[in-house]
PDB file of N, CA and C in Angstrom:
ATOM      1  N   MET A   1     -16.625  22.011 -12.711  1.00  0.00           N
ATOM      2  CA  MET A   1     -16.837  21.761 -11.258  1.00  0.00           C
ATOM      3  C   MET A   1     -16.350  20.400 -10.953  1.00  0.00           C
ATOM      4  N   GLN A   2     -16.638  18.880 -12.102  1.00  0.00           N
ATOM      5  CA  GLN A   2     -16.266  17.699 -12.048  1.00  0.00           C
ATOM      6  C   GLN A   2     -14.837  17.892 -12.252  1.00  0.00           C
ATOM      7  N   ARG A   3     -14.483  18.637 -12.960  1.00  0.00           N
ATOM      8  CA  ARG A   3     -13.155  18.285 -13.145  1.00  0.00           C
ATOM      9  C   ARG A   3     -12.166  18.833 -11.799  1.00  0.00           C
ATOM     10  N   LYS A   4     -12.683  20.040 -11.311  1.00  0.00           N
ATOM     11  CA  LYS A   4     -11.815  20.247 -10.138  1.00  0.00           C
ATOM     12  C   LYS A   4     -11.688  19.169  -9.080  1.00  0.00           C
ATOM     13  N   ILE A   5     -13.008  18.451  -9.126  1.00  0.00           N
ATOM     14  CA  ILE A   5     -13.165  17.418  -7.772  1.00  0.00           C
ATOM     15  C   ILE A   5     -12.157  16.594  -8.212  1.00  0.00           C
ATOM     16  N   LEU A   6     -12.252  15.877  -9.335  1.00  0.00           N
ATOM     17  CA  LEU A   6     -11.396  14.885  -9.511  1.00  0.00           C
ATOM     18  C   LEU A   6     -10.009  15.389  -9.590  1.00  0.00           C
ATOM     19  N   THR A   7      -9.372  16.464  -9.935  1.00  0.00           N
ATOM     20  CA  THR A   7      -8.048  17.054  -9.901  1.00  0.00           C
ATOM     21  C   THR A   7      -7.915  16.984  -8.459  1.00  0.00           C
ATOM     22  N   ASP A   8      -8.865  17.672  -7.451  1.00  0.00           N
ATOM     23  CA  ASP A   8      -8.306  17.551  -6.059  1.00  0.00           C
ATOM     24  C   ASP A   8      -8.321  16.217  -5.297  1.00  0.00           C
ATOM     25  N   LYS A   9      -9.107  15.043  -6.048  1.00  0.00           N
ATOM     26  CA  LYS A   9      -8.688  13.774  -5.420  1.00  0.00           C
ATOM     27  C   LYS A   9      -7.359  13.314  -5.645  1.00  0.00           C
ATOM     28  N   ASP A  10      -7.292  13.302  -7.024  1.00  0.00           N
ATOM     29  CA  ASP A  10      -5.737  13.053  -7.521  1.00  0.00           C
ATOM     30  C   ASP A  10      -4.640  13.708  -6.712  1.00  0.00           C
ATOM     31  N   ASP A  11      -4.734  15.173  -6.570  1.00  0.00           N
ATOM     32  CA  ASP A  11      -3.603  15.456  -5.590  1.00  0.00           C
ATOM     33  C   ASP A  11      -3.846  14.969  -4.384  1.00  0.00           C
ATOM     34  N   PHE A  12      -4.763  14.913  -3.723  1.00  0.00           N
ATOM     35  CA  PHE A  12      -4.974  14.434  -2.022  1.00  0.00           C
ATOM     36  C   PHE A  12      -4.252  12.969  -2.182  1.00  0.00           C
ATOM     37  N   PHE A  13      -4.543  11.718  -2.935  1.00  0.00           N
ATOM     38  CA  PHE A  13      -4.112  10.511  -3.152  1.00  0.00           C
ATOM     39  C   PHE A  13      -2.743  10.691  -3.457  1.00  0.00           C
ATOM     40  N   CYS A  14      -2.197  11.437  -4.236  1.00  0.00           N
ATOM     41  CA  CYS A  14      -0.983  11.312  -4.935  1.00  0.00           C
ATOM     42  C   CYS A  14      -0.057  12.059  -3.383  1.00  0.00           C
ATOM     43  N   SER A  15      -0.384  12.737  -2.773  1.00  0.00           N
ATOM     44  CA  SER A  15       0.277  13.277  -1.743  1.00  0.00           C
ATOM     45  C   SER A  15       0.171  12.721  -0.573  1.00  0.00           C
ATOM     46  N   ASN A  16      -0.614  11.595  -0.486  1.00  0.00           N
ATOM     47  CA  ASN A  16      -0.922  10.804   0.854  1.00  0.00           C
ATOM     48  C   ASN A  16      -0.732   9.296   0.687  1.00  0.00           C
ATOM     49  N   ILE A  17       0.198   9.205  -0.342  1.00  0.00           N
ATOM     50  CA  ILE A  17       0.757   7.741  -0.358  1.00  0.00           C
ATOM     51  C   ILE A  17       2.237   7.619  -0.289  1.00  0.00           C
ATOM     52  N   VAL A  18       2.544   6.617  -0.003  1.00  0.00           N
ATOM     53  CA  VAL A  18       4.075   6.622   0.359  1.00  0.00           C
ATOM     54  C   VAL A  18       4.486   4.851   0.008  1.00  0.00           C
ATOM     55  N   ASP A  19       5.492   5.367  -0.681  1.00  0.00           N
ATOM     56  CA  ASP A  19       6.355   3.984  -1.177  1.00  0.00           C
ATOM     57  C   ASP A  19       7.041   3.176  -0.006  1.00  0.00           C
ATOM     58  N   VAL A  20       6.710   1.824  -0.072  1.00  0.00           N
ATOM     59  CA  VAL A  20       7.343   1.178   1.146  1.00  0.00           C
ATOM     60  C   VAL A  20       8.051   0.065   0.669  1.00  0.00           C
ATOM     61  N   SER A  21       9.021  -0.493   1.446  1.00  0.00           N
ATOM     62  CA  SER A  21       9.842  -1.500   1.180  1.00  0.00           C
ATOM     63  C   SER A  21      10.031  -2.718   2.159  1.00  0.00           C
ATOM     64  N   SER A  22       9.575  -2.122   3.277  1.00  0.00           N
ATOM     65  CA  SER A  22       9.736  -3.068   4.420  1.00  0.00           C
ATOM     66  C   SER A  22       8.339  -3.337   5.201  1.00  0.00           C
ATOM     67  N   TYR A  23       8.047  -3.815   6.270  1.00  0.00           N
ATOM     68  CA  TYR A  23       6.843  -4.003   6.876  1.00  0.00           C
ATOM     69  C   TYR A  23       7.124  -2.720   8.129  1.00  0.00           C
ATOM     70  N   ASP A  24       8.330  -2.412   8.579  1.00  0.00           N
ATOM     71  CA  ASP A  24       8.435  -1.406   8.946  1.00  0.00           C
ATOM     72  C   ASP A  24       8.219  -0.179   8.551  1.00  0.00           C
ATOM     73  N   GLU A  25       8.410   0.083   7.565  1.00  0.00           N
ATOM     74  CA  GLU A  25       8.118   1.305   6.621  1.00  0.00           C
ATOM     75  C   GLU A  25       6.383   1.309   6.615  1.00  0.00           C
ATOM     76  N   LEU A  26       5.721   0.339   6.461  1.00  0.00           N
ATOM     77  CA  LEU A  26       4.401   0.171   6.155  1.00  0.00           C
ATOM     78  C   LEU A  26       3.913   0.761   7.510  1.00  0.00           C
ATOM     79  N   LYS A  27       4.091   0.169   8.676  1.00  0.00           N
ATOM     80  CA  LYS A  27       3.796   0.505   9.886  1.00  0.00           C
ATOM     81  C   LYS A  27       3.945   1.975  10.169  1.00  0.00           C
ATOM     82  N   ILE A  28       4.760   2.550   9.684  1.00  0.00           N
ATOM     83  CA  ILE A  28       5.039   4.251   9.779  1.00  0.00           C
ATOM     84  C   ILE A  28       4.562   4.793   9.267  1.00  0.00           C
ATOM     85  N   ALA A  29       4.192   4.501   7.764  1.00  0.00           N
ATOM     86  CA  ALA A  29       3.241   5.396   7.077  1.00  0.00           C
ATOM     87  C   ALA A  29       1.669   5.091   7.252  1.00  0.00           C
ATOM     88  N   ASN A  30       1.234   4.079   7.966  1.00  0.00           N
ATOM     89  CA  ASN A  30       0.125   3.849   8.478  1.00  0.00           C
ATOM     90  C   ASN A  30      -0.100   4.488   9.706  1.00  0.00           C
ATOM     91  N   SER A  31       1.086   4.733  10.485  1.00  0.00           N
ATOM     92  CA  SER A  31       0.586   5.595  11.762  1.00  0.00           C
ATOM     93  C   SER A  31       0.428   7.045  11.666  1.00  0.00           C
ATOM     94  N   LYS A  32       0.948   7.622  10.227  1.00  0.00           N
ATOM     95  CA  LYS A  32       0.888   8.905  10.045  1.00  0.00           C
ATOM     96  C   LYS A  32      -0.362   9.269   9.097  1.00  0.00           C
ATOM     97  N   GLY A  33      -1.363   8.129   9.131  1.00  0.00           N
ATOM     98  CA  GLY A  33      -2.419   8.203   8.146  1.00  0.00           C
ATOM     99  C   GLY A  33      -2.314   8.444   6.654  1.00  0.00           C
ATOM    100  N   LYS A  34      -1.245   7.759   6.568  1.00  0.00           N
ATOM    101  CA  LYS A  34      -0.891   7.464   4.777  1.00  0.00           C
ATOM    102  C   LYS A  34      -1.346   6.217   4.218  1.00  0.00           C
ATOM    103  N   TRP A  35      -1.328   6.294   2.835  1.00  0.00           N
ATOM    104  CA  TRP A  35      -1.690   4.999   2.575  1.00  0.00           C
ATOM    105  C   TRP A  35       0.019   4.302   2.023  1.00  0.00           C
ATOM    106  N   ALA A  36       0.294   3.337   2.124  1.00  0.00           N
ATOM    107  CA  ALA A  36       1.580   2.346   1.811  1.00  0.00           C
ATOM    108  C   ALA A  36       1.011   1.620   0.689  1.00  0.00           C
ATOM    109  N   ARG A  37       2.334   1.828  -0.413  1.00  0.00           N
ATOM    110  CA  ARG A  37       2.299   1.097  -1.653  1.00  0.00           C
ATOM    111  C   ARG A  37       3.560   0.327  -1.456  1.00  0.00           C
ATOM    112  N   GLY A  38       3.480  -0.736  -1.705  1.00  0.00           N
ATOM    113  CA  GLY A  38       4.797  -2.096  -1.415  1.00  0.00           C
ATOM    114  C   GLY A  38       4.730  -3.051  -2.357  1.00  0.00           C
ATOM    115  N   PRO A  39       5.762  -3.881  -2.821  1.00  0.00           N
ATOM    116  CA  PRO A  39       5.761  -4.812  -2.976  1.00  0.00           C
ATOM    117  C   PRO A  39       4.912  -6.123  -2.336  1.00  0.00           C
ATOM    118  N   TRP A  40       4.169  -6.992  -2.895  1.00  0.00           N
ATOM    119  CA  TRP A  40       3.526  -8.165  -2.115  1.00  0.00           C
ATOM    120  C   TRP A  40       3.167  -9.512  -2.778  1.00  0.00           C
ATOM    121  N   LEU A  41       3.564 -10.292  -1.946  1.00  0.00           N
ATOM    122  CA  LEU A  41       3.447 -11.693  -2.353  1.00  0.00           C
ATOM    123  C   LEU A  41       1.783 -12.106  -2.225  1.00  0.00           C
ATOM    124  N   ALA A  42       1.436 -11.561  -1.463  1.00  0.00           N
ATOM    125  CA  ALA A  42      -0.349 -11.933  -1.380  1.00  0.00           C
ATOM    126  C   ALA A  42      -0.287 -13.418  -0.576  1.00  0.00           C
ATOM    127  N   ARG A  43       0.326 -13.408   0.711  1.00  0.00           N
ATOM    128  CA  ARG A  43      -0.153 -14.284   1.602  1.00  0.00           C
ATOM    129  C   ARG A  43      -1.276 -14.292   2.676  1.00  0.00           C
ATOM    130  N   ASP A  44      -2.214 -15.131   2.882  1.00  0.00           N
ATOM    131  CA  ASP A  44      -3.330 -14.922   3.826  1.00  0.00           C
ATOM    132  C   ASP A  44      -2.828 -14.315   5.242  1.00  0.00           C
ATOM    133  N   GLU A  45      -1.549 -15.292   5.706  1.00  0.00           N
ATOM    134  CA  GLU A  45      -0.964 -14.997   6.861  1.00  0.00           C
ATOM    135  C   GLU A  45      -0.740 -13.607   7.259  1.00  0.00           C
ATOM    136  N   ASP A  46       0.286 -13.025   6.149  1.00  0.00           N
ATOM    137  CA  ASP A  46       0.830 -11.949   6.365  1.00  0.00           C
ATOM    138  C   ASP A  46      -0.135 -10.813   6.332  1.00  0.00           C
ATOM    139  N   LYS A  47      -0.917 -11.091   5.406  1.00  0.00           N
ATOM    140  CA  LYS A  47      -2.530 -10.125   5.302  1.00  0.00           C
ATOM    141  C   LYS A  47      -3.070 -10.105   6.816  1.00  0.00           C
ATOM    142  N   LEU A  48      -3.166 -11.082   7.307  1.00  0.00           N
ATOM    143  CA  LEU A  48      -3.841 -11.164   8.369  1.00  0.00           C
ATOM    144  C   LEU A  48      -2.918 -10.610   9.686  1.00  0.00           C
ATOM    145  N   LYS A  49      -1.655 -10.531   9.518  1.00  0.00           N
ATOM    146  CA  LYS A  49      -0.736  -9.848  10.511  1.00  0.00           C
ATOM    147  C   LYS A  49      -0.677  -8.564  10.381  1.00  0.00           C
ATOM    148  N   VAL A  50      -0.815  -7.986   9.094  1.00  0.00           N
ATOM    149  CA  VAL A  50      -1.081  -6.634   9.125  1.00  0.00           C
ATOM    150  C   VAL A  50      -2.224  -5.786   9.391  1.00  0.00           C
ATOM    151  N   LYS A  51      -3.390  -6.675   9.131  1.00  0.00           N
ATOM    152  CA  LYS A  51      -4.568  -6.037   9.665  1.00  0.00           C
ATOM    153  C   LYS A  51      -4.492  -6.175  10.944  1.00  0.00           C
ATOM    154  N   GLU A  52      -3.975  -7.173  11.974  1.00  0.00           N
ATOM    155  CA  GLU A  52      -4.205  -7.246  13.284  1.00  0.00           C
ATOM    156  C   GLU A  52      -3.128  -6.351  14.034  1.00  0.00           C
ATOM    157  N   GLU A  53      -2.024  -6.143  13.317  1.00  0.00           N
ATOM    158  CA  GLU A  53      -1.124  -5.328  14.064  1.00  0.00           C
ATOM    159  C   GLU A  53      -0.954  -3.435  13.630  1.00  0.00           C
ATOM    160  N   THR A  54      -1.764  -3.383  12.344  1.00  0.00           N
ATOM    161  CA  THR A  54      -1.979  -2.041  11.948  1.00  0.00           C
ATOM    162  C   THR A  54      -3.274  -1.551  11.960  1.00  0.00           C
ATOM    163  N   GLY A  55      -4.311  -2.329  12.053  1.00  0.00           N
ATOM    164  CA  GLY A  55      -5.319  -2.130  11.548  1.00  0.00           C
ATOM    165  C   GLY A  55      -5.589  -1.712   9.657  1.00  0.00           C
ATOM    166  N   ALA A  56      -4.657  -1.849   8.918  1.00  0.00           N
ATOM    167  CA  ALA A  56      -4.514  -1.526   7.561  1.00  0.00           C
ATOM    168  C   ALA A  56      -4.782  -2.972   7.027  1.00  0.00           C
ATOM    169  N   SER A  57      -5.531  -2.826   5.720  1.00  0.00           N
ATOM    170  CA  SER A  57      -5.903  -4.013   4.889  1.00  0.00           C
ATOM    171  C   SER A  57      -5.396  -3.480   3.329  1.00  0.00           C
ATOM    172  N   ILE A  58      -5.527  -4.314   2.408  1.00  0.00           N
ATOM    173  CA  ILE A  58      -5.020  -4.093   1.159  1.00  0.00           C
ATOM    174  C   ILE A  58      -6.596  -3.220   0.514  1.00  0.00           C
ATOM    175  N   ARG A  59      -6.000  -2.456  -0.016  1.00  0.00           N
ATOM    176  CA  ARG A  59      -7.145  -1.177  -0.504  1.00  0.00           C
ATOM    177  C   ARG A  59      -7.429  -1.873  -1.892  1.00  0.00           C
ATOM    178  N   CYS A  60      -6.277  -2.003  -2.777  1.00  0.00           N
ATOM    179  CA  CYS A  60      -6.173  -2.193  -4.322  1.00  0.00           C
ATOM    180  C   CYS A  60      -5.041  -2.685  -4.415  1.00  0.00           C
ATOM    181  N   PHE A  61      -5.091  -3.620  -5.682  1.00  0.00           N
ATOM    182  CA  PHE A  61      -3.597  -3.502  -6.544  1.00  0.00           C
ATOM    183  C   PHE A  61      -3.838  -2.771  -8.023  1.00  0.00           C
ATOM    184  N   PRO A  62      -2.925  -1.869  -7.618  1.00  0.00           N
ATOM    185  CA  PRO A  62      -3.169  -0.827  -8.875  1.00  0.00           C
ATOM    186  C   PRO A  62      -2.889  -1.563 -10.529  1.00  0.00           C
ATOM    187  N   PHE A  63      -3.431  -0.945 -11.139  1.00  0.00           N
ATOM    188  CA  PHE A  63      -3.564  -1.697 -12.516  1.00  0.00           C
ATOM    189  C   PHE A  63      -2.101  -1.432 -13.050  1.00  0.00           C
ATOM    190  N   GLU A  64      -1.475  -0.205 -13.088  1.00  0.00           N
ATOM    191  CA  GLU A  64      -0.204  -0.241 -13.424  1.00  0.00           C
ATOM    192  C   GLU A  64       0.823  -0.247 -12.313  1.00  0.00           C
ATOM    193  N   GLN A  65       1.451  -1.765 -12.664  1.00  0.00           N
ATOM    194  CA  GLN A  65       2.135  -2.525 -11.705  1.00  0.00           C
ATOM    195  C   GLN A  65       3.585  -1.925 -12.413  1.00  0.00           C
ATOM    196  N   PRO A  66       4.664  -1.938 -11.566  1.00  0.00           N
ATOM    197  CA  PRO A  66       5.990  -1.869 -11.787  1.00  0.00           C
ATOM    198  C   PRO A  66       6.727  -2.879 -12.330  1.00  0.00           C
ATOM    199  N   GLN A  67       7.674  -2.998 -13.439  1.00  0.00           N
ATOM    200  CA  GLN A  67       8.071  -4.074 -14.003  1.00  0.00           C
ATOM    201  C   GLN A  67       9.122  -4.668 -13.186  1.00  0.00           C
ATOM    202  N   GLY A  68       9.134  -5.707 -13.203  1.00  0.00           N
ATOM    203  CA  GLY A  68      10.238  -6.535 -12.522  1.00  0.00           C
ATOM    204  C   GLY A  68       9.773  -7.108 -11.458  1.00  0.00           C
ATOM    205  N   ILE A  69      10.908  -7.968 -10.572  1.00  0.00           N
ATOM    206  CA  ILE A  69      10.519  -8.580  -9.785  1.00  0.00           C
ATOM    207  C   ILE A  69      11.059  -7.794  -8.384  1.00  0.00           C
ATOM    208  N   LYS A  70      10.332  -7.599  -7.409  1.00  0.00           N
ATOM    209  CA  LYS A  70      10.644  -6.782  -6.328  1.00  0.00           C
ATOM    210  C   LYS A  70      10.962  -7.572  -4.759  1.00  0.00           C
ATOM    211  N   ALA A  71      11.288  -7.151  -3.850  1.00  0.00           N
ATOM    212  CA  ALA A  71      11.188  -8.201  -2.757  1.00  0.00           C
ATOM    213  C   ALA A  71       9.884  -7.809  -2.021  1.00  0.00           C
ATOM    214  N   CYS A  72       9.083  -8.823  -1.526  1.00  0.00           N
ATOM    215  CA  CYS A  72       8.082  -8.498  -0.763  1.00  0.00           C
ATOM    216  C   CYS A  72       8.432  -7.965   0.699  1.00  0.00           C
ATOM    217  N   LEU A  73       7.552  -6.896   0.882  1.00  0.00           N
ATOM    218  CA  LEU A  73       7.861  -5.958   2.107  1.00  0.00           C
ATOM    219  C   LEU A  73       7.571  -7.055   3.180  1.00  0.00           C
ATOM    220  N   MET A  74       6.743  -8.104   3.475  1.00  0.00           N
ATOM    221  CA  MET A  74       6.527  -8.749   4.689  1.00  0.00           C
ATOM    222  C   MET A  74       7.840  -9.976   4.595  1.00  0.00           C
ATOM    223  N   THR A  75       7.851 -10.577   3.443  1.00  0.00           N
ATOM    224  CA  THR A  75       8.874 -12.182   3.704  1.00  0.00           C
ATOM    225  C   THR A  75       9.996 -11.702   2.863  1.00  0.00           C
ATOM    226  N   GLY A  76      10.606 -10.793   2.155  1.00  0.00           N
ATOM    227  CA  GLY A  76      11.580 -10.441   1.486  1.00  0.00           C
ATOM    228  C   GLY A  76      11.811 -11.436   0.245  1.00  0.00           C
ATOM    229  N   ASP A  77      10.730 -12.209   0.111  1.00  0.00           N
ATOM    230  CA  ASP A  77      10.692 -13.392  -0.968  1.00  0.00           C
ATOM    231  C   ASP A  77      10.037 -12.567  -2.380  1.00  0.00           C
ATOM    232  N   PRO A  78      10.391 -13.164  -3.564  1.00  0.00           N
ATOM    233  CA  PRO A  78      10.035 -12.207  -4.938  1.00  0.00           C
ATOM    234  C   PRO A  78       8.690 -12.154  -4.905  1.00  0.00           C
ATOM    235  N   ALA A  79       8.381 -10.744  -5.285  1.00  0.00           N
ATOM    236  CA  ALA A  79       7.198 -10.268  -5.320  1.00  0.00           C
ATOM    237  C   ALA A  79       6.773  -9.695  -6.839  1.00  0.00           C
ATOM    238  N   GLU A  80       5.491 -10.141  -7.541  1.00  0.00           N
ATOM    239  CA  GLU A  80       5.670  -9.619  -8.797  1.00  0.00           C
ATOM    240  C   GLU A  80       4.745  -8.360  -8.737  1.00  0.00           C
ATOM    241  N   GLU A  81       3.745  -8.560  -7.825  1.00  0.00           N
ATOM    242  CA  GLU A  81       2.699  -7.348  -7.674  1.00  0.00           C
ATOM    243  C   GLU A  81       3.175  -6.230  -6.419  1.00  0.00           C
ATOM    244  N   VAL A  82       2.362  -5.064  -6.734  1.00  0.00           N
ATOM    245  CA  VAL A  82       2.275  -4.253  -5.576  1.00  0.00           C
ATOM    246  C   VAL A  82       0.943  -3.932  -5.259  1.00  0.00           C
ATOM    247  N   ALA A  83       0.956  -3.806  -3.692  1.00  0.00           N
ATOM    248  CA  ALA A  83      -0.485  -3.547  -3.187  1.00  0.00           C
ATOM    249  C   ALA A  83      -0.409  -2.234  -2.708  1.00  0.00           C
ATOM    250  N   ILE A  84      -1.692  -1.711  -2.168  1.00  0.00           N
ATOM    251  CA  ILE A  84      -1.697  -0.315  -1.307  1.00  0.00           C
ATOM    252  C   ILE A  84      -2.538  -0.851  -0.173  1.00  0.00           C
ATOM    253  N   PHE A  85      -2.007  -0.589   0.741  1.00  0.00           N
ATOM    254  CA  PHE A  85      -2.548  -0.742   2.223  1.00  0.00           C
ATOM    255  C   PHE A  85      -3.140   0.456   2.840  1.00  0.00           C
ATOM    256  N   ALA A  86      -4.233   0.476   3.452  1.00  0.00           N
ATOM    257  CA  ALA A  86      -4.661   1.511   4.142  1.00  0.00           C
ATOM    258  C   ALA A  86      -5.707   1.165   5.290  1.00  0.00           C
ATOM    259  N   LYS A  87      -6.002   2.009   6.318  1.00  0.00           N
ATOM    260  CA  LYS A  87      -7.114   1.881   7.096  1.00  0.00           C
ATOM    261  C   LYS A  87      -8.157   2.008   6.485  1.00  0.00           C
ATOM    262  N   SER A  88      -9.325   1.493   6.807  1.00  0.00           N
ATOM    263  CA  SER A  88     -10.718   1.732   6.523  1.00  0.00           C
ATOM    264  C   SER A  88     -11.450   2.525   7.738  1.00  0.00           C
ATOM    265  N   TYR A  89     -11.947   3.611   7.256  1.00  0.00           N
ATOM    266  CA  TYR A  89     -12.681   4.481   8.300  1.00  0.00           C
ATOM    267  C   TYR A  89     -13.861   4.867   8.124  1.00  0.00           C
TER     268      TYR A  89
END
């Protein structure tokens, strides 16, 4: 029973997460009720902008981070981390 619940949760999570590389993509994913995963530089003013404009906030920084430097979805500056954004209900 517990294994089935865990499998269902993993399937739901994986099917509802979208990889994004820009703020516009984050807004689109968020408007569809999806979780957005993208490179993040972690600046407070950008985090507040996301929260104010979309209602989404950072849910977590996954333990398994992609290798290499990516461009921050907000600024385009080099970002080493990926964050997951979603609305809190």
